Amino acid sequence: MSTIRILVGTRKGAFILTSGHRRKKWSIDGPHFEGWEIYHMKGSALTPDRILASQTSSWFGQIIQRSDDGGKTWSQPGSAGEAPTVTDGMPQGESNKFVYDTSAETGKPLTTHQWYDGTQHPWEFARVWHLEPSLDDADTWYAGVEDAALFKTTDGGVTWHELAGLRGHDTGADWAPGAGGMCLHTIVLDPINQGRIYCAISAAGTFRSDDHGETWRPINEGLHSEHIPNPTAEVGHCVHNVAIHPSNPNTLYMQKHWDVMRSDDGGDSWREVSGNLPSDFGFPIAVHAHDPETIYVVPILSDSLHYPPDGKLRVYRSRSGGEDWEALTKGLPQEHCYVNVLRDAMAVDKAEPCGIYFGTTGGQVYASNNSGDDWAPIVRDLPAVLSVEVQTLS
């Protein structure tokens, strides 16, 4: 029988929710890192009790925390024993620090990027938005940061180095921040095509590497963004989230700043699948655990009104890869609901039937133990939820 563990990052700490395979009664542990923003928290599929968390504060900066016992205890990797060198990326014993590479292998300086008004602005490190564990090595992890860069550790978070080929792409100087900053918020590892990595950046677009992150290319053909000078430009699109199914990794789904999109060729081209959604604006997108053609989104009204249309909290499910959509409402508030669901705040377990989970800016975490047909709140009144990840433990 499986145990389900949900990792919840909030504005004021982390919470860990656990349940048996029936997913009806939940225990709640937390807050961990009380008072700190936990932007993202995720566990390794290879060593499930190893969890990394992005802990950040405007006062004290950015810290990576690690647990090797399923969240019972935590420590900063490398804080005991010999300290790593600063040039390796993240020294311990002081506020954690990711160090941007100053030049790509081409020798071109990586010093500035475009700002909102078109002027150039220096690259600055603000926080870690997303942590992604390797599929084949428990000590290897990736981190997406703001300003948009991709970092990698091969020693469980003790030292980090930038995969500078991404920022070193010819388009890097033209990247500009979205409303939430210029963040690399999505990292997708292809489970079959070894060495293939996808990243999404607001507001630059989606990028793919086929050589373990050494070189990159934009994959935004088919995207249309009316709010940028050239709506079909190679870069500049505000992509909110990208999802993949392990059994069909050439098919990708995207929630964009307006439009839900689909690619069937590994991101080489995209087409819109917003269909009959009440709004094609939103942040998260997720794929059913056992059916690569079943996907989930949570529409909100617009880029300025971050709440559900008509004040009704509805998850929309498509069983046809986005061709048509149905509203899932049973157990969700259908009046006077004005919460948002952020890009990393929806997750899917691997049980049968699979469970769907999402957290809101109002502090609720909702769960469905039957693929979205029915919903119930696991917990209410948490701080605003920033991220939700789930582990299916044997």
Protein backbone atom coordinates (compact mmCIF):
# COMPACT_ATOMS: atom_id res chain seq x y z
CA MET A 1 0.00 0.00 0.00
CA SER A 2 1.29 3.45 -0.90
CA THR A 3 1.87 6.41 1.34
CA ILE A 4 1.30 9.84 -0.19
CA ARG A 5 3.47 12.76 0.95
CA ILE A 6 2.66 16.31 -0.10
CA LEU A 7 5.31 19.02 0.17
CA VAL A 8 3.80 22.49 0.53
CA GLY A 9 5.84 25.69 0.31
CA THR A 10 4.20 28.88 1.59
CA ARG A 11 4.94 32.53 2.25
CA LYS A 12 5.68 31.72 5.89
CA GLY A 13 7.12 28.24 6.07
CA ALA A 14 6.89 24.68 4.77
CA PHE A 15 4.32 22.01 5.59
CA ILE A 16 4.37 18.26 4.97
CA LEU A 17 1.07 16.39 4.60
CA THR A 18 0.89 12.60 4.63
CA SER A 19 -1.84 10.02 4.10
CA GLY A 20 -2.36 6.36 3.31
CA HIS A 21 -3.29 5.04 -0.10
CA ARG A 22 -6.97 5.91 0.39
CA ARG A 23 -6.02 9.60 0.75
CA LYS A 24 -8.91 10.44 3.07
CA LYS A 25 -7.23 11.33 6.36
CA TRP A 26 -4.14 13.52 6.40
CA SER A 27 -1.55 14.38 9.02
CA ILE A 28 0.00 17.85 8.93
CA ASP A 29 3.57 18.56 9.99
CA GLY A 30 4.87 22.13 10.18
CA PRO A 31 5.62 24.85 9.84
CA HIS A 32 9.24 24.17 9.03
CA PHE A 33 11.39 27.31 8.54
CA GLU A 34 8.69 29.33 10.25
CA GLY A 35 8.33 32.84 8.85
CA TRP A 36 10.49 32.19 5.76
CA GLU A 37 9.26 32.06 2.18
CA ILE A 38 9.61 28.54 0.82
CA TYR A 39 9.44 29.05 -2.93
CA HIS A 40 9.78 25.38 -3.80
CA MET A 41 10.32 22.03 -2.11
CA LYS A 42 10.77 18.73 -3.92
CA GLY A 43 11.86 15.16 -3.22
CA SER A 44 14.06 12.81 -5.20
CA ALA A 45 12.35 9.93 -6.99
CA LEU A 46 15.48 7.84 -6.49
CA THR A 47 15.91 8.54 -2.76
CA PRO A 48 12.44 9.73 -1.68
CA ASP A 49 13.47 10.82 1.80
CA ARG A 50 15.92 13.30 0.30
CA ILE A 51 14.11 16.62 -0.08
CA LEU A 52 15.51 20.01 -1.06
CA ALA A 53 13.83 23.29 -0.17
CA SER A 54 14.38 26.83 -1.40
CA GLN A 55 14.25 29.09 1.66
CA THR A 56 14.40 32.83 1.03
CA SER A 57 14.05 36.12 2.87
CA SER A 58 14.42 39.74 1.79
CA TRP A 59 16.45 40.24 4.97
CA PHE A 60 18.68 37.17 5.04
CA GLY A 61 18.86 36.10 1.41
CA GLN A 62 18.65 32.64 -0.12
CA ILE A 63 19.36 29.29 1.55
CA ILE A 64 19.05 25.75 0.24
CA GLN A 65 17.92 23.30 2.90
CA ARG A 66 18.13 19.51 2.65
CA SER A 67 16.45 16.69 4.51
CA ASP A 68 17.52 13.05 4.25
CA ASP A 69 14.74 11.70 6.46
CA GLY A 70 11.60 12.80 4.69
CA GLY A 71 11.43 16.27 6.24
CA LYS A 72 11.85 15.34 9.91
CA THR A 73 15.17 17.18 10.17
CA TRP A 74 16.90 19.71 7.94
CA SER A 75 20.37 21.13 7.37
CA GLN A 76 22.20 23.34 4.91
CA PRO A 77 24.26 21.06 2.65
CA GLY A 78 27.95 21.54 3.34
CA SER A 79 27.45 23.33 6.65
CA ALA A 80 29.37 20.60 8.49
CA GLY A 81 32.94 19.64 7.65
CA GLU A 82 35.07 21.33 5.01
CA ALA A 83 33.41 24.34 3.44
CA PRO A 84 33.25 24.49 -0.37
CA THR A 85 35.00 27.26 -2.23
CA VAL A 86 33.11 30.37 -3.23
CA THR A 87 33.84 29.78 -6.92
CA ASP A 88 31.98 26.49 -6.75
CA GLY A 89 28.81 28.48 -6.42
CA MET A 90 27.28 28.25 -2.98
CA PRO A 91 29.42 28.72 0.15
CA GLN A 92 27.95 27.58 3.46
CA GLY A 93 28.22 29.11 6.89
CA GLU A 94 26.92 32.38 5.46
CA SER A 95 23.89 33.27 3.36
CA ASN A 96 23.79 30.85 0.44
CA LYS A 97 25.06 32.34 -2.78
CA PHE A 98 24.71 31.28 -6.39
CA VAL A 99 27.48 32.85 -8.46
CA TYR A 100 26.71 33.73 -12.07
CA ASP A 101 29.33 32.76 -14.61
CA THR A 102 30.81 35.92 -16.15
CA SER A 103 31.28 34.56 -19.65
CA ALA A 104 30.11 31.73 -21.84
CA GLU A 105 32.48 29.31 -23.54
CA THR A 106 32.31 31.59 -26.55
CA GLY A 107 33.99 34.29 -24.49
CA LYS A 108 31.04 36.67 -24.81
CA PRO A 109 30.38 38.56 -21.57
CA LEU A 110 27.15 37.75 -19.76
CA THR A 111 26.74 41.05 -17.97
CA THR A 112 23.37 42.55 -18.83
CA HIS A 113 19.86 41.75 -19.97
CA GLN A 114 16.95 43.86 -21.17
CA TRP A 115 14.75 45.66 -18.65
CA TYR A 116 11.05 46.56 -18.87
CA ASP A 117 11.78 49.81 -20.71
CA GLY A 118 14.25 48.23 -23.15
CA THR A 119 17.37 49.46 -21.35
CA GLN A 120 20.08 47.07 -20.19
CA HIS A 121 20.23 45.92 -16.57
CA PRO A 122 22.88 43.87 -14.75
CA TRP A 123 22.14 40.25 -13.90
CA GLU A 124 21.27 39.95 -10.21
CA PHE A 125 20.55 36.90 -8.09
CA ALA A 126 17.30 37.16 -6.09
CA ARG A 127 16.04 33.66 -5.26
CA VAL A 128 15.68 30.03 -6.31
CA TRP A 129 12.27 29.45 -7.91
CA HIS A 130 12.45 25.76 -8.75
CA LEU A 131 14.43 22.68 -7.71
CA GLU A 132 14.46 19.60 -9.94
CA PRO A 133 16.10 16.27 -9.00
CA SER A 134 17.97 14.20 -11.56
CA LEU A 135 16.23 11.08 -12.84
CA ASP A 136 19.35 8.92 -12.55
CA ASP A 137 21.53 10.30 -9.71
CA ALA A 138 20.27 11.21 -6.23
CA ASP A 139 23.12 13.70 -5.71
CA THR A 140 22.43 15.66 -8.91
CA TRP A 141 19.87 18.47 -8.85
CA TYR A 142 19.05 21.51 -10.95
CA ALA A 143 17.97 24.93 -9.73
CA GLY A 144 16.17 27.64 -11.69
CA VAL A 145 16.80 31.11 -10.33
CA GLU A 146 15.91 34.78 -10.68
CA ASP A 147 17.46 36.49 -12.65
CA ALA A 148 16.98 33.70 -15.15
CA ALA A 149 19.79 31.15 -14.91
CA LEU A 150 20.14 27.41 -14.49
CA PHE A 151 22.43 25.90 -11.83
CA LYS A 152 23.47 22.30 -11.19
CA THR A 153 24.83 20.40 -8.20
CA THR A 154 26.36 16.91 -8.34
CA ASP A 155 27.03 16.58 -4.60
CA GLY A 156 23.56 16.86 -3.09
CA GLY A 157 23.52 20.64 -2.86
CA VAL A 158 26.92 21.27 -1.30
CA THR A 159 28.31 23.06 -4.37
CA TRP A 160 26.55 24.55 -7.38
CA HIS A 161 27.72 25.78 -10.75
CA GLU A 162 25.90 27.61 -13.50
CA LEU A 163 25.12 25.97 -16.84
CA ALA A 164 26.07 29.22 -18.51
CA GLY A 165 25.27 28.12 -22.05
CA LEU A 166 21.65 29.09 -21.44
CA ARG A 167 22.28 32.73 -20.58
CA GLY A 168 25.07 32.70 -23.16
CA HIS A 169 22.60 32.11 -25.97
CA ASP A 170 22.63 34.86 -28.59
CA THR A 171 19.19 36.02 -27.42
CA GLY A 172 20.15 36.38 -23.72
CA ALA A 173 20.66 40.13 -23.83
CA ASP A 174 17.06 40.51 -25.13
CA TRP A 175 15.38 38.66 -22.26
CA ALA A 176 13.20 40.84 -20.06
CA PRO A 177 11.41 40.26 -16.74
CA GLY A 178 7.74 39.42 -16.46
CA ALA A 179 5.51 40.91 -13.79
CA GLY A 180 6.95 38.56 -11.17
CA GLY A 181 10.56 39.11 -12.14
CA MET A 182 12.80 37.40 -14.68
CA CYS A 183 12.62 33.90 -13.28
CA LEU A 184 13.60 30.49 -14.57
CA HIS A 185 10.64 28.76 -12.98
CA THR A 186 10.24 25.47 -14.87
CA ILE A 187 12.74 22.64 -15.38
CA VAL A 188 11.58 19.49 -17.19
CA LEU A 189 13.88 16.48 -17.64
CA ASP A 190 13.05 14.12 -20.49
CA PRO A 191 12.87 10.58 -19.04
CA ILE A 192 13.68 8.85 -22.35
CA ASN A 193 15.82 11.22 -24.43
CA GLN A 194 18.94 11.26 -22.30
CA GLY A 195 20.49 14.70 -21.99
CA ARG A 196 17.31 16.57 -23.02
CA ILE A 197 16.29 19.38 -20.64
CA TYR A 198 13.53 21.95 -21.03
CA CYS A 199 13.43 25.28 -19.22
CA ALA A 200 10.83 28.04 -19.19
CA ILE A 201 11.58 31.65 -18.33
CA SER A 202 9.32 34.62 -17.71
CA ALA A 203 9.49 36.54 -19.92
CA ALA A 204 11.83 34.93 -22.43
CA GLY A 205 10.07 31.72 -23.42
CA THR A 206 10.90 28.03 -23.53
CA PHE A 207 14.34 26.59 -24.26
CA ARG A 208 15.69 23.08 -24.91
CA SER A 209 19.07 21.46 -24.50
CA ASP A 210 19.91 18.08 -26.03
CA ASP A 211 23.39 17.82 -24.51
CA HIS A 212 22.84 17.86 -20.74
CA GLY A 213 22.57 21.65 -20.55
CA GLU A 214 25.74 22.64 -22.40
CA THR A 215 24.01 24.33 -25.34
CA TRP A 216 20.46 25.60 -25.78
CA ARG A 217 18.02 26.86 -28.35
CA PRO A 218 14.67 28.68 -28.06
CA ILE A 219 11.65 26.52 -28.89
CA ASN A 220 8.84 29.07 -29.23
CA GLU A 221 7.60 28.51 -32.79
CA GLY A 222 3.82 28.84 -32.83
CA LEU A 223 3.61 31.06 -29.74
CA HIS A 224 1.80 34.35 -30.20
CA SER A 225 2.05 37.12 -27.60
CA GLU A 226 0.23 40.34 -28.36
CA HIS A 227 1.89 42.24 -25.49
CA ILE A 228 5.39 42.19 -27.05
CA PRO A 229 6.61 44.28 -30.01
CA ASN A 230 6.86 41.25 -32.33
CA PRO A 231 4.08 38.83 -31.30
CA THR A 232 5.81 35.86 -32.96
CA ALA A 233 9.37 36.69 -31.92
CA GLU A 234 11.96 34.00 -31.25
CA VAL A 235 12.09 35.03 -27.58
CA GLY A 236 10.15 37.34 -25.27
CA HIS A 237 7.10 35.15 -24.56
CA CYS A 238 5.85 34.89 -20.99
CA VAL A 239 5.54 31.13 -20.51
CA HIS A 240 4.03 30.22 -17.14
CA ASN A 241 4.52 26.46 -16.94
CA VAL A 242 5.37 23.37 -19.03
CA ALA A 243 4.39 19.76 -18.31
CA ILE A 244 5.38 16.39 -19.76
CA HIS A 245 4.24 12.77 -19.38
CA PRO A 246 7.01 10.17 -18.96
CA SER A 247 5.42 7.68 -21.35
CA ASN A 248 5.09 10.20 -24.18
CA PRO A 249 7.85 12.78 -23.67
CA ASN A 250 7.70 14.29 -27.15
CA THR A 251 4.30 15.75 -26.21
CA LEU A 252 4.52 18.86 -24.07
CA TYR A 253 1.78 21.03 -22.60
CA MET A 254 2.16 24.71 -21.80
CA GLN A 255 0.21 27.29 -19.82
CA LYS A 256 1.23 30.63 -21.25
CA HIS A 257 0.45 34.25 -20.48
CA TRP A 258 -2.77 33.80 -22.44
CA ASP A 259 -3.19 30.49 -24.30
CA VAL A 260 -2.86 26.83 -23.41
CA MET A 261 -0.49 25.21 -25.90
CA ARG A 262 0.58 21.75 -27.03
CA SER A 263 3.64 20.41 -28.84
CA ASP A 264 3.97 16.91 -30.30
CA ASP A 265 7.55 17.27 -31.52
CA GLY A 266 9.54 18.03 -28.39
CA GLY A 267 8.81 21.74 -28.51
CA ASP A 268 9.89 22.32 -32.11
CA SER A 269 6.41 23.72 -32.79
CA TRP A 270 3.32 24.57 -30.72
CA ARG A 271 -0.41 24.87 -31.33
CA GLU A 272 -3.14 26.35 -29.16
CA VAL A 273 -5.51 23.97 -27.33
CA SER A 274 -7.44 26.47 -25.17
CA GLY A 275 -10.71 25.24 -26.69
CA ASN A 276 -13.78 25.97 -24.58
CA LEU A 277 -11.98 27.19 -21.45
CA PRO A 278 -13.69 30.20 -19.80
CA SER A 279 -10.30 31.93 -19.79
CA ASP A 280 -7.02 30.84 -21.34
CA PHE A 281 -5.00 32.68 -18.68
CA GLY A 282 -3.59 30.78 -15.71
CA PHE A 283 -0.40 29.52 -14.13
CA PRO A 284 -0.28 25.74 -13.49
CA ILE A 285 -0.71 22.85 -15.90
CA ALA A 286 -0.46 19.16 -14.97
CA VAL A 287 -0.74 15.79 -16.71
CA HIS A 288 -2.62 12.74 -15.43
CA ALA A 289 -0.29 10.07 -14.03
CA HIS A 290 -1.51 7.26 -16.29
CA ASP A 291 -3.02 8.97 -19.33
CA PRO A 292 -0.79 11.36 -21.30
CA GLU A 293 -3.84 12.83 -23.05
CA THR A 294 -5.53 13.97 -19.81
CA ILE A 295 -4.42 17.38 -18.56
CA TYR A 296 -5.49 19.89 -15.90
CA VAL A 297 -5.45 23.70 -15.67
CA VAL A 298 -6.91 26.29 -13.29
CA PRO A 299 -8.10 29.32 -15.29
CA ILE A 300 -8.09 32.78 -13.76
CA LEU A 301 -9.73 35.88 -15.17
CA SER A 302 -6.80 37.85 -16.62
CA ASP A 303 -3.25 39.07 -16.16
CA SER A 304 -4.50 41.87 -13.91
CA LEU A 305 -7.36 40.01 -12.17
CA HIS A 306 -5.77 36.94 -10.59
CA TYR A 307 -8.91 35.10 -9.49
CA PRO A 308 -11.31 32.55 -11.03
CA PRO A 309 -13.93 33.71 -13.53
CA ASP A 310 -17.26 34.48 -11.82
CA GLY A 311 -15.65 33.85 -8.42
CA LYS A 312 -15.99 30.08 -8.98
CA LEU A 313 -12.96 27.91 -8.24
CA ARG A 314 -12.89 25.33 -11.05
CA VAL A 315 -10.24 22.93 -12.21
CA TYR A 316 -10.62 22.16 -15.90
CA ARG A 317 -9.78 18.73 -17.27
CA SER A 318 -9.28 17.67 -20.85
CA ARG A 319 -9.27 13.97 -21.71
CA SER A 320 -8.36 14.76 -25.32
CA GLY A 321 -5.06 16.53 -24.94
CA GLY A 322 -6.71 19.95 -24.92
CA GLU A 323 -9.26 19.58 -27.70
CA ASP A 324 -12.17 20.02 -25.26
CA TRP A 325 -12.44 20.78 -21.55
CA GLU A 326 -14.80 20.00 -18.67
CA ALA A 327 -15.19 21.94 -15.43
CA LEU A 328 -14.50 20.00 -12.22
CA THR A 329 -16.41 21.67 -9.39
CA LYS A 330 -17.62 19.06 -6.89
CA GLY A 331 -16.28 20.06 -3.47
CA LEU A 332 -14.81 23.37 -4.65
CA PRO A 333 -16.29 26.78 -3.69
CA GLN A 334 -18.59 28.06 -6.42
CA GLU A 335 -19.26 31.56 -5.18
CA HIS A 336 -17.29 34.44 -3.72
CA CYS A 337 -13.93 32.73 -4.27
CA TYR A 338 -11.10 35.06 -5.27
CA VAL A 339 -7.93 33.03 -4.78
CA ASN A 340 -5.18 32.25 -7.25
CA VAL A 341 -3.23 29.03 -7.91
CA LEU A 342 0.43 29.66 -8.72
CA ARG A 343 2.53 27.89 -11.34
CA ASP A 344 4.20 25.33 -9.04
CA ALA A 345 1.14 24.81 -6.84
CA MET A 346 -0.44 21.80 -8.59
CA ALA A 347 0.80 18.20 -8.52
CA VAL A 348 -0.31 14.66 -9.41
CA ASP A 349 0.44 11.43 -7.52
CA LYS A 350 1.06 8.03 -9.13
CA ALA A 351 -1.60 6.03 -7.29
CA GLU A 352 -4.56 4.38 -9.00
CA PRO A 353 -6.75 6.31 -9.54
CA CYS A 354 -4.29 9.16 -9.42
CA GLY A 355 -4.69 12.02 -6.98
CA ILE A 356 -4.62 15.70 -7.98
CA TYR A 357 -3.57 18.40 -5.50
CA PHE A 358 -3.38 22.17 -5.60
CA GLY A 359 -2.80 25.02 -3.16
CA THR A 360 -4.19 28.54 -3.25
CA THR A 361 -3.07 32.01 -2.30
CA GLY A 362 -5.81 31.85 0.33
CA GLY A 363 -3.95 29.08 2.17
CA GLN A 364 -6.10 26.10 1.20
CA VAL A 365 -4.76 22.80 -0.16
CA TYR A 366 -7.38 20.84 -2.10
CA ALA A 367 -7.14 17.17 -3.04
CA SER A 368 -8.96 14.75 -5.31
CA ASN A 369 -8.37 11.03 -4.87
CA ASN A 370 -10.22 10.14 -8.08
CA SER A 371 -8.47 12.07 -10.85
CA GLY A 372 -10.44 15.25 -10.26
CA ASP A 373 -14.03 14.03 -10.07
CA ASP A 374 -14.40 15.09 -6.42
CA TRP A 375 -12.46 17.54 -4.27
CA ALA A 376 -12.00 18.24 -0.58
CA PRO A 377 -9.72 20.58 1.37
CA ILE A 378 -6.88 18.81 3.17
CA VAL A 379 -6.04 21.92 5.16
CA ARG A 380 -7.23 25.50 5.34
CA ASP A 381 -5.76 28.75 6.62
CA LEU A 382 -2.12 28.15 5.78
CA PRO A 383 -0.08 31.12 4.58
CA ALA A 384 -0.38 31.74 0.85
CA VAL A 385 0.72 28.59 -0.97
CA LEU A 386 3.65 29.00 -3.37
CA SER A 387 4.27 25.39 -4.36
CA VAL A 388 2.82 21.89 -4.06
CA GLU A 389 4.74 18.71 -4.88
CA VAL A 390 3.67 15.13 -4.20
CA GLN A 391 5.55 11.89 -3.60
CA THR A 392 4.02 8.44 -4.00
CA LEU A 393 5.90 6.26 -1.52
CA SER A 394 5.77 2.46 -1.45
